[in-house]
Protein backbone atom coordinates (compact mmCIF):
# COMPACT_ATOMS: atom_id res chain seq x y z
CA MET A 1 102.20 100.84 147.20
CA GLY A 2 105.59 100.88 145.22
CA GLY A 3 104.93 97.35 144.41
CA VAL A 4 101.47 97.86 142.91
CA LEU A 5 102.98 100.91 140.88
CA LEU A 6 105.73 98.62 139.39
CA ILE A 7 102.85 96.55 138.50
CA VAL A 8 100.55 98.90 137.14
CA LEU A 9 103.64 100.02 134.88
CA GLY A 10 104.01 96.92 133.50
CA LEU A 11 100.63 96.38 132.39
CA LEU A 12 100.68 99.26 130.73
CA LEU A 13 104.32 97.97 128.61
CA LEU A 14 102.48 94.93 128.27
CA ALA A 15 99.29 96.57 126.69
CA ALA A 16 101.87 98.40 124.99
CA LEU A 17 103.05 95.63 123.44
CA ALA A 18 100.37 93.85 122.36
CA LEU A 19 99.19 96.76 120.40
CA PRO A 20 100.73 95.45 116.85
CA VAL A 21 99.09 92.26 117.43
CA GLY A 22 95.82 93.63 118.02
CA LEU A 23 95.91 96.18 115.24
CA LEU A 24 97.09 92.87 112.53
CA PRO A 25 93.05 92.50 112.14
CA ILE A 26 91.82 95.89 111.29
CA ALA A 27 94.78 97.49 109.82
CA SER A 28 96.82 95.27 107.89
CA ALA A 29 96.47 92.47 105.15
CA ALA A 30 98.45 89.62 107.97
CA PRO A 31 95.96 86.45 107.27
CA ALA A 32 93.69 85.32 109.82
CA PRO A 33 95.79 82.48 111.03
CA VAL A 34 98.67 84.58 111.60
CA TRP A 35 97.17 87.17 113.94
CA VAL A 36 95.12 84.33 115.78
CA LEU A 37 98.37 82.29 116.37
CA LEU A 38 99.91 85.81 117.65
CA GLY A 39 96.99 86.91 119.67
CA LEU A 40 96.74 83.27 121.45
CA ALA A 41 100.61 83.76 121.99
CA ASP A 42 99.81 87.18 124.26
CA ILE A 43 97.00 85.40 125.82
CA ALA A 44 99.20 82.82 126.94
CA LEU A 45 102.48 85.08 128.17
CA LEU A 46 99.96 87.09 130.29
CA ILE A 47 98.66 83.83 132.11
CA ALA A 48 101.89 82.70 132.73
CA ALA A 49 103.23 85.81 134.10
CA PHE A 50 100.44 85.54 136.51
CA ARG A 51 100.42 82.45 137.10
CA LEU A 52 104.13 82.06 138.12
CA ALA A 53 103.56 84.24 141.07
CA PRO A 54 106.13 82.53 143.24
CA ARG A 55 108.95 84.20 140.55
CA ARG A 56 106.94 87.05 139.61
CA TRP A 57 109.34 89.54 138.54
CA MET A 58 111.45 86.75 136.93
CA ALA A 59 108.21 86.01 135.05
CA TRP A 60 107.32 89.37 134.30
CA ALA A 61 111.23 90.02 132.81
CA ILE A 62 110.39 87.09 130.70
CA SER A 63 107.27 87.77 129.53
CA LEU A 64 108.42 91.31 128.85
CA ALA A 65 111.11 89.96 126.47
CA VAL A 66 109.29 87.32 124.49
CA TRP A 67 106.15 89.91 124.13
CA ALA A 68 108.29 92.26 122.64
CA LEU A 69 109.67 89.51 120.05
CA VAL A 70 105.84 88.58 119.62
CA ALA A 71 105.25 92.40 118.84
CA ALA A 72 108.13 92.51 116.43
CA LEU A 73 106.69 89.21 114.47
CA ALA A 74 103.49 91.20 113.98
CA VAL A 75 104.94 94.25 112.61
CA GLY A 76 106.98 92.00 110.09
CA ALA A 77 104.04 89.90 109.40
CA SER A 78 102.02 93.44 108.53
CA GLN A 79 104.96 94.58 106.56
CA ARG A 80 105.05 90.77 104.50
CA PHE A 81 101.39 90.71 103.95
CA ALA A 82 101.05 94.19 102.76
CA THR A 83 99.02 94.54 99.04
CA THR A 84 96.88 96.25 97.29
CA PRO A 85 93.27 94.66 96.75
CA PRO A 86 92.59 92.97 93.63
CA ILE A 87 90.18 94.53 91.27
CA LEU A 88 87.09 92.24 91.13
CA GLY A 89 84.75 91.81 88.61
CA ALA A 90 80.92 91.21 88.51
CA ASP A 91 81.36 87.67 89.89
CA GLY A 92 83.52 88.97 92.74
CA HIS A 93 86.57 87.39 91.44
CA PRO A 94 89.80 89.27 90.51
CA LEU A 95 88.97 90.60 87.04
CA PRO A 96 90.80 88.90 83.77
CA GLY A 97 93.55 91.03 82.28
CA SER A 98 93.39 93.68 85.40
CA VAL A 99 96.53 94.36 87.56
CA ALA A 100 96.72 95.06 91.30
CA SER A 101 100.22 95.16 92.36
CA LEU A 102 102.04 96.80 95.13
CA GLU A 103 105.58 96.54 94.26
CA GLN A 104 109.64 97.50 95.12
CA VAL A 105 111.36 98.65 92.01
CA GLU A 106 114.62 100.01 92.15
CA LEU A 107 115.41 103.30 90.99
CA ASN A 108 118.74 104.66 90.17
CA GLY A 109 119.96 102.21 93.07
CA SER A 110 117.52 102.65 95.55
CA GLN A 111 114.63 100.35 96.52
CA GLN A 112 111.28 102.40 96.46
CA TRP A 113 107.57 101.72 96.03
CA ILE A 114 104.68 101.88 93.59
CA THR A 115 101.15 100.58 93.33
CA VAL A 116 100.28 99.67 89.70
CA ARG A 117 96.26 99.25 89.33
CA GLY A 118 94.09 98.80 86.24
CA ARG A 119 91.12 97.01 84.53
CA ASP A 120 92.93 96.69 81.23
CA THR A 121 96.78 96.18 81.09
CA ASP A 122 96.73 98.21 77.34
CA ARG A 123 95.13 101.02 78.51
CA PRO A 124 97.27 104.13 79.03
CA VAL A 125 99.70 104.38 82.03
CA LEU A 126 99.36 107.32 84.40
CA LEU A 127 101.66 108.05 86.71
CA PHE A 128 100.54 109.73 90.25
CA LEU A 129 103.21 112.00 91.98
CA ALA A 130 101.79 112.77 95.30
CA GLY A 131 102.16 116.04 96.77
CA GLY A 132 104.36 116.98 100.07
CA PRO A 133 107.16 116.49 99.46
CA GLY A 134 107.17 113.25 101.73
CA GLY A 135 103.15 112.82 101.06
CA SER A 136 102.02 108.84 100.01
CA GLN A 137 98.83 108.15 98.55
CA LEU A 138 99.10 104.70 97.77
CA ALA A 139 95.69 103.94 99.37
CA ALA A 140 94.03 107.48 98.66
CA THR A 141 93.84 107.41 95.02
CA ARG A 142 92.78 103.70 95.35
CA ILE A 143 89.84 104.58 97.52
CA VAL A 144 89.05 108.02 95.59
CA LEU A 145 90.00 107.65 91.88
CA SER A 146 88.80 104.11 91.22
CA GLU A 147 87.06 104.92 88.37
CA LEU A 148 90.38 106.02 86.50
CA GLU A 149 91.14 102.98 86.74
CA ARG A 150 88.80 101.86 83.88
CA HIS A 151 90.26 104.21 81.66
CA PHE A 152 94.20 104.17 82.94
CA VAL A 153 96.97 102.00 84.35
CA VAL A 154 97.17 104.27 87.47
CA VAL A 155 100.80 103.82 88.88
CA ASN A 156 100.98 105.56 92.30
CA TRP A 157 104.60 106.14 93.97
CA ASP A 158 106.27 106.25 97.15
CA GLN A 159 109.09 109.17 96.66
CA PRO A 160 112.00 108.92 98.75
CA GLY A 161 111.90 109.91 101.98
CA ALA A 162 107.82 108.77 101.71
CA GLY A 163 105.84 106.18 103.38
CA LYS A 164 106.99 102.84 102.22
CA SER A 165 110.06 104.45 100.66
CA TYR A 166 111.22 106.24 103.68
CA HIS A 167 114.39 104.57 104.24
CA ALA A 168 115.10 104.87 100.06
CA VAL A 169 117.50 107.62 100.31
CA PRO A 170 119.60 109.06 103.22
CA PHE A 171 117.52 112.42 104.25
CA ASP A 172 121.28 114.26 103.46
CA GLN A 173 120.78 112.73 99.98
CA LEU A 174 117.42 113.92 99.21
CA THR A 175 116.94 116.92 96.57
CA PRO A 176 114.56 118.10 94.15
CA GLU A 177 117.12 116.94 91.84
CA ARG A 178 117.07 113.11 93.23
CA ALA A 179 113.32 113.37 92.81
CA ILE A 180 113.65 114.23 89.36
CA ALA A 181 116.08 111.45 88.36
CA ASP A 182 113.89 109.00 90.10
CA GLY A 183 110.91 109.72 88.90
CA LEU A 184 112.32 109.75 85.01
CA ALA A 185 113.74 106.40 86.09
CA LEU A 186 110.47 105.36 86.81
CA THR A 187 108.85 106.48 83.88
CA ARG A 188 111.26 104.72 81.27
CA GLN A 189 110.42 101.21 83.40
CA LEU A 190 106.89 101.93 82.87
CA ARG A 191 107.06 102.70 79.37
CA GLU A 192 108.90 99.30 78.34
CA ARG A 193 107.02 97.34 80.75
CA PHE A 194 103.64 98.21 79.22
CA GLY A 195 104.74 99.04 76.02
CA GLN A 196 103.92 102.07 75.40
CA ARG A 197 105.56 105.41 73.66
CA GLN A 198 104.51 107.36 75.95
CA ILE A 199 102.71 108.02 79.52
CA TYR A 200 100.77 110.66 81.51
CA LEU A 201 101.68 112.59 84.98
CA VAL A 202 99.21 113.89 87.19
CA GLY A 203 100.74 115.50 90.40
CA GLU A 204 99.32 117.18 93.50
CA SER A 205 100.87 120.11 95.04
CA TRP A 206 104.48 119.41 95.30
CA GLY A 207 104.05 116.98 92.64
CA THR A 208 103.18 119.37 90.19
CA ALA A 209 106.46 121.16 90.28
CA LEU A 210 108.04 117.60 89.81
CA GLY A 211 105.74 116.70 86.70
CA VAL A 212 106.81 119.82 85.16
CA TRP A 213 110.50 119.35 85.77
CA MET A 214 110.24 115.76 84.71
CA ALA A 215 108.58 116.69 81.31
CA GLN A 216 110.98 119.70 81.00
CA ARG A 217 113.81 117.51 81.41
CA GLU A 218 112.62 114.22 79.04
CA PRO A 219 109.68 115.45 76.93
CA GLN A 220 109.81 112.55 74.98
CA HIS A 221 108.20 110.11 77.65
CA PHE A 222 105.23 112.27 78.23
CA ALA A 223 101.67 112.64 76.29
CA ALA A 224 100.35 115.31 78.89
CA VAL A 225 101.39 116.60 82.51
CA VAL A 226 98.47 117.51 84.12
CA SER A 227 98.88 119.91 87.62
CA VAL A 228 96.55 120.01 90.40
CA ALA A 229 96.97 122.47 92.41
CA GLN A 230 99.66 123.71 90.56
CA MET A 231 102.77 125.14 92.85
CA VAL A 232 104.82 127.77 91.02
CA ASP A 233 106.92 130.19 93.22
CA PHE A 234 107.74 128.26 96.57
CA ALA A 235 108.71 131.10 98.74
CA GLN A 236 105.96 133.38 97.26
CA THR A 237 103.46 130.92 98.30
CA ASP A 238 104.62 130.68 102.07
CA ILE A 239 104.63 134.33 102.16
CA ASP A 240 101.02 134.29 100.60
CA CYS A 241 100.01 131.64 103.32
CA TYR A 242 101.52 133.03 106.53
CA ASN A 243 99.88 136.42 105.62
CA LEU A 244 96.57 135.44 104.99
CA ALA A 245 96.15 133.09 107.79
CA LEU A 246 97.60 136.03 109.78
CA GLN A 247 94.73 138.06 108.25
CA ILE A 248 91.93 135.69 108.74
CA ALA A 249 93.13 135.35 112.66
CA ARG A 250 92.55 139.11 113.44
CA GLU A 251 89.67 138.95 111.31
CA ARG A 252 87.86 136.22 113.63
CA GLY A 253 89.50 138.17 116.47
CA ASP A 254 91.29 134.83 117.21
CA ALA A 255 94.07 136.70 119.31
CA LYS A 256 96.18 133.50 120.79
CA THR A 257 97.19 132.27 116.87
CA ALA A 258 97.51 136.09 115.72
CA ALA A 259 99.97 136.94 118.43
CA SER A 260 101.64 133.44 117.63
CA LEU A 261 102.08 134.06 114.00
CA GLU A 262 103.21 137.87 115.02
CA ALA A 263 105.90 136.35 117.32
CA GLN A 264 107.02 133.85 114.81
CA GLY A 265 107.47 136.10 111.45
CA PRO A 266 106.80 135.53 108.32
CA PRO A 267 108.95 132.61 106.17
CA PRO A 268 111.70 131.78 105.19
CA TYR A 269 112.53 129.78 108.05
CA THR A 270 115.61 128.02 109.65
CA GLY A 271 115.89 124.72 111.63
CA ASN A 272 112.87 122.65 111.87
CA VAL A 273 110.79 124.22 109.24
CA ILE A 274 107.55 122.47 109.41
CA ASP A 275 107.11 123.33 112.96
CA LYS A 276 107.17 126.77 111.90
CA GLU A 277 104.58 126.40 108.69
CA ALA A 278 102.32 123.66 109.61
CA PRO A 279 100.55 126.04 112.24
CA TYR A 280 99.16 128.38 109.74
CA LEU A 281 99.24 125.93 106.69
CA MET A 282 96.95 123.95 109.18
CA TYR A 283 94.55 127.24 110.15
CA LEU A 284 94.35 127.70 106.52
CA THR A 285 93.23 123.99 105.73
CA SER A 286 90.86 124.16 108.52
CA ALA A 287 89.43 127.33 107.20
CA MET A 288 88.93 125.43 103.86
CA ASP A 289 87.60 122.32 105.30
CA ARG A 290 84.68 125.05 106.94
CA ASN A 291 83.79 126.50 103.55
CA PRO A 292 80.55 125.74 102.48
CA ALA A 293 81.54 126.29 98.77
CA ILE A 294 84.13 123.82 98.77
CA HIS A 295 82.51 120.19 98.06
CA ASN A 296 83.80 116.72 100.02
CA PRO A 297 86.44 118.53 102.31
CA GLY A 298 88.79 117.45 104.40
CA TYR A 299 91.04 114.42 104.26
CA ASN A 300 90.23 110.02 105.32
CA THR A 301 93.88 110.15 106.84
CA LEU A 302 92.66 107.47 109.19
CA GLY A 303 90.99 105.56 106.62
CA GLU A 304 93.74 105.49 104.21
CA ILE A 305 97.02 104.99 106.74
CA GLY A 306 94.78 102.20 107.77
CA GLY A 307 94.76 100.92 104.02
CA PRO A 308 96.58 97.36 103.44
CA GLU A 309 99.13 98.67 100.97
CA TYR A 310 100.65 99.89 104.47
CA GLY A 311 102.06 97.66 107.27
CA LEU A 312 102.43 98.41 110.31
CA TYR A 313 105.90 99.73 109.88
CA ASP A 314 104.99 101.86 107.14
CA LYS A 315 101.93 103.80 108.75
CA VAL A 316 104.52 105.02 111.20
CA SER A 317 106.70 105.91 108.04
CA TYR A 318 103.71 107.58 106.65
CA VAL A 319 103.70 110.40 109.24
CA ARG A 320 107.52 110.52 109.64
CA GLY A 321 107.87 110.63 105.79
CA VAL A 322 105.59 113.84 105.62
CA LEU A 323 107.75 115.62 108.87
CA ASP A 324 111.58 114.94 107.98
CA SER A 325 110.95 114.91 103.97
CA TYR A 326 109.22 118.40 104.35
CA ASN A 327 112.16 119.50 106.65
CA ALA A 328 115.04 118.30 103.99
CA MET A 329 113.13 119.11 100.73
CA TRP A 330 111.05 122.28 101.45
CA PRO A 331 114.19 125.00 102.19
CA GLN A 332 115.75 123.84 99.05
CA LEU A 333 112.30 125.01 96.46
CA TRP A 334 112.48 128.59 98.32
CA GLY A 335 114.42 129.40 95.07
CA ALA A 336 111.93 127.83 92.49
CA ASP A 337 110.05 129.62 90.30
CA LEU A 338 108.88 128.07 87.43
CA ARG A 339 107.53 131.39 85.41
CA THR A 340 111.32 131.71 85.54
CA GLN A 341 112.68 128.26 85.15
CA ALA A 342 110.31 126.21 83.11
CA THR A 343 109.31 128.96 80.81
CA ARG A 344 108.57 126.17 77.73
CA LEU A 345 107.05 122.87 78.09
CA GLU A 346 107.29 120.57 74.90
CA VAL A 347 104.23 118.38 76.09
CA PRO A 348 100.60 119.73 76.49
CA ILE A 349 99.86 120.51 80.00
CA TYR A 350 96.18 121.17 81.95
CA ILE A 351 96.14 123.07 85.10
CA LEU A 352 93.39 121.74 87.65
CA GLU A 353 92.76 124.97 90.25
CA GLY A 354 90.45 124.84 93.27
CA ARG A 355 88.79 128.30 92.74
CA HIS A 356 88.66 128.43 96.56
CA ASP A 357 92.76 127.10 97.21
CA ILE A 358 94.36 129.12 99.90
CA ASN A 359 97.15 126.67 100.51
CA ALA A 360 98.81 127.48 96.78
CA SER A 361 97.78 130.51 95.23
CA PRO A 362 96.03 130.35 92.30
CA TYR A 363 96.90 133.75 91.10
CA LEU A 364 100.43 132.40 90.87
CA ALA A 365 99.20 129.08 88.72
CA GLU A 366 97.06 131.99 86.01
CA ASP A 367 100.47 133.85 86.12
CA TYR A 368 102.34 130.82 85.30
CA ILE A 369 100.32 129.50 82.61
CA ASN A 370 99.76 132.72 80.85
CA ARG A 371 103.58 132.96 80.46
CA LEU A 372 104.36 129.34 79.30
CA ASP A 373 105.34 128.34 75.99
CA ALA A 374 103.60 124.85 75.36
CA PRO A 375 102.23 122.72 72.20
CA HIS A 376 98.72 122.94 74.43
CA LYS A 377 97.80 124.61 77.79
CA GLU A 378 94.77 124.84 79.51
CA LEU A 379 93.76 126.42 83.12
CA ILE A 380 90.69 124.30 84.11
CA TRP A 381 88.79 125.82 87.28
CA PHE A 382 86.80 123.91 89.78
CA GLU A 383 84.14 125.88 91.20
CA HIS A 384 83.64 123.98 94.30
CA SER A 385 87.10 123.01 95.30
CA GLY A 386 89.93 123.80 97.78
CA HIS A 387 93.43 122.72 97.18
CA ASN A 388 92.24 118.83 96.28
CA PRO A 389 90.05 118.81 93.55
CA TRP A 390 90.67 115.69 93.01
CA ARG A 391 89.07 115.04 96.44
CA ASN A 392 86.42 117.68 96.22
CA GLU A 393 85.18 117.27 92.82
CA THR A 394 85.98 113.87 92.08
CA VAL A 395 83.46 113.07 89.39
CA ARG A 396 84.28 116.27 87.40
CA PHE A 397 87.91 115.47 88.04
CA VAL A 398 87.64 111.91 86.06
CA GLU A 399 85.48 113.23 83.52
CA VAL A 400 88.52 116.15 82.58
CA MET A 401 91.42 113.53 82.70
CA VAL A 402 89.01 111.00 80.35
CA GLY A 403 86.98 113.57 78.27
CA ARG A 404 89.54 116.51 77.66
CA VAL A 405 92.91 114.83 78.76
CA LEU A 406 92.70 111.66 76.91
CA GLY A 407 90.01 112.37 74.50
CA GLN A 408 91.87 115.37 73.07
CA ALA A 409 95.11 112.87 72.74
CA GLU A 410 93.37 109.96 70.94
């Protein structure tokens, strides 16, 4: 009986070690010869393990060791061949004059990752600042906002601690100040590379505060700031989210969730912050997903994490980045309130708010823009959106970016 159990456990371990090779053709950009060769190696190892029955345990031990090596090679191949797909013309070939690249750049001494995509490299540069902290949108913006690539060179940046940049900076050195400094360093590189006097910033959620701080620090670099789901007062937003989740749970008669939230108490928290905040934040996200007034709700997380921009190790880092960066950075943001710390900007700002956003309090964004002194400021409502207008109302988002933001600048 014990021998059978060991065989079963061995088979399960072999299956786990075979998973990276199995994922190569469906979740990476590794070319067919690579995954075919590694797949044949896995099959050969399995056959060898069973055929060497007289010395079964030694055969199994050797097979496991070599299989682990093949799995490591599969992960390495997925990382090596990670890419962003080319922008194709009507003939199905890469469009002349376009750019579609996945690049590692050095920012203040650390190696970080960006995608650069556009149909015409002479178009204005748009730097997208993902939410989180720790969020990665390298594949998401390519999939959802491909129309922007007709009008901008769209640069998406995996900030330190996020996605492909997970190891860029030790987590004990991960601070808002570091994100600002790295964002400005990237901005300078982009201006020089594309020969442009100014670029555009688009931030989502946490990225909106980052964008405001970057523009506040060095406004000469930026033609405009676009904030999607503006974060203003992080501590108040946390309290609002907690209270609203508790209210919804009580109204629904969801006694289990209500009791859990009551026992936990309101933020701010210490220790593993995301473990305490995720339950009520996800509860609110679920409520938005069920709101019929919100168009195209939810996320395509599996489709996006499966994008060729991420190797297999990056896909793990995609998840780890959200968890670890949030824990490292979020408590540092509880003292931030743009209404008192960023009262003047020297660049135009457009704040795009989903009418039904319950993850970032829209009333705070409205209060902020009313107090803000800027050469041009607009609060633009998306009537069928929650926390993600660029996902919920993509067509209108692109229209605003091209017709209003870019059109006004030109």
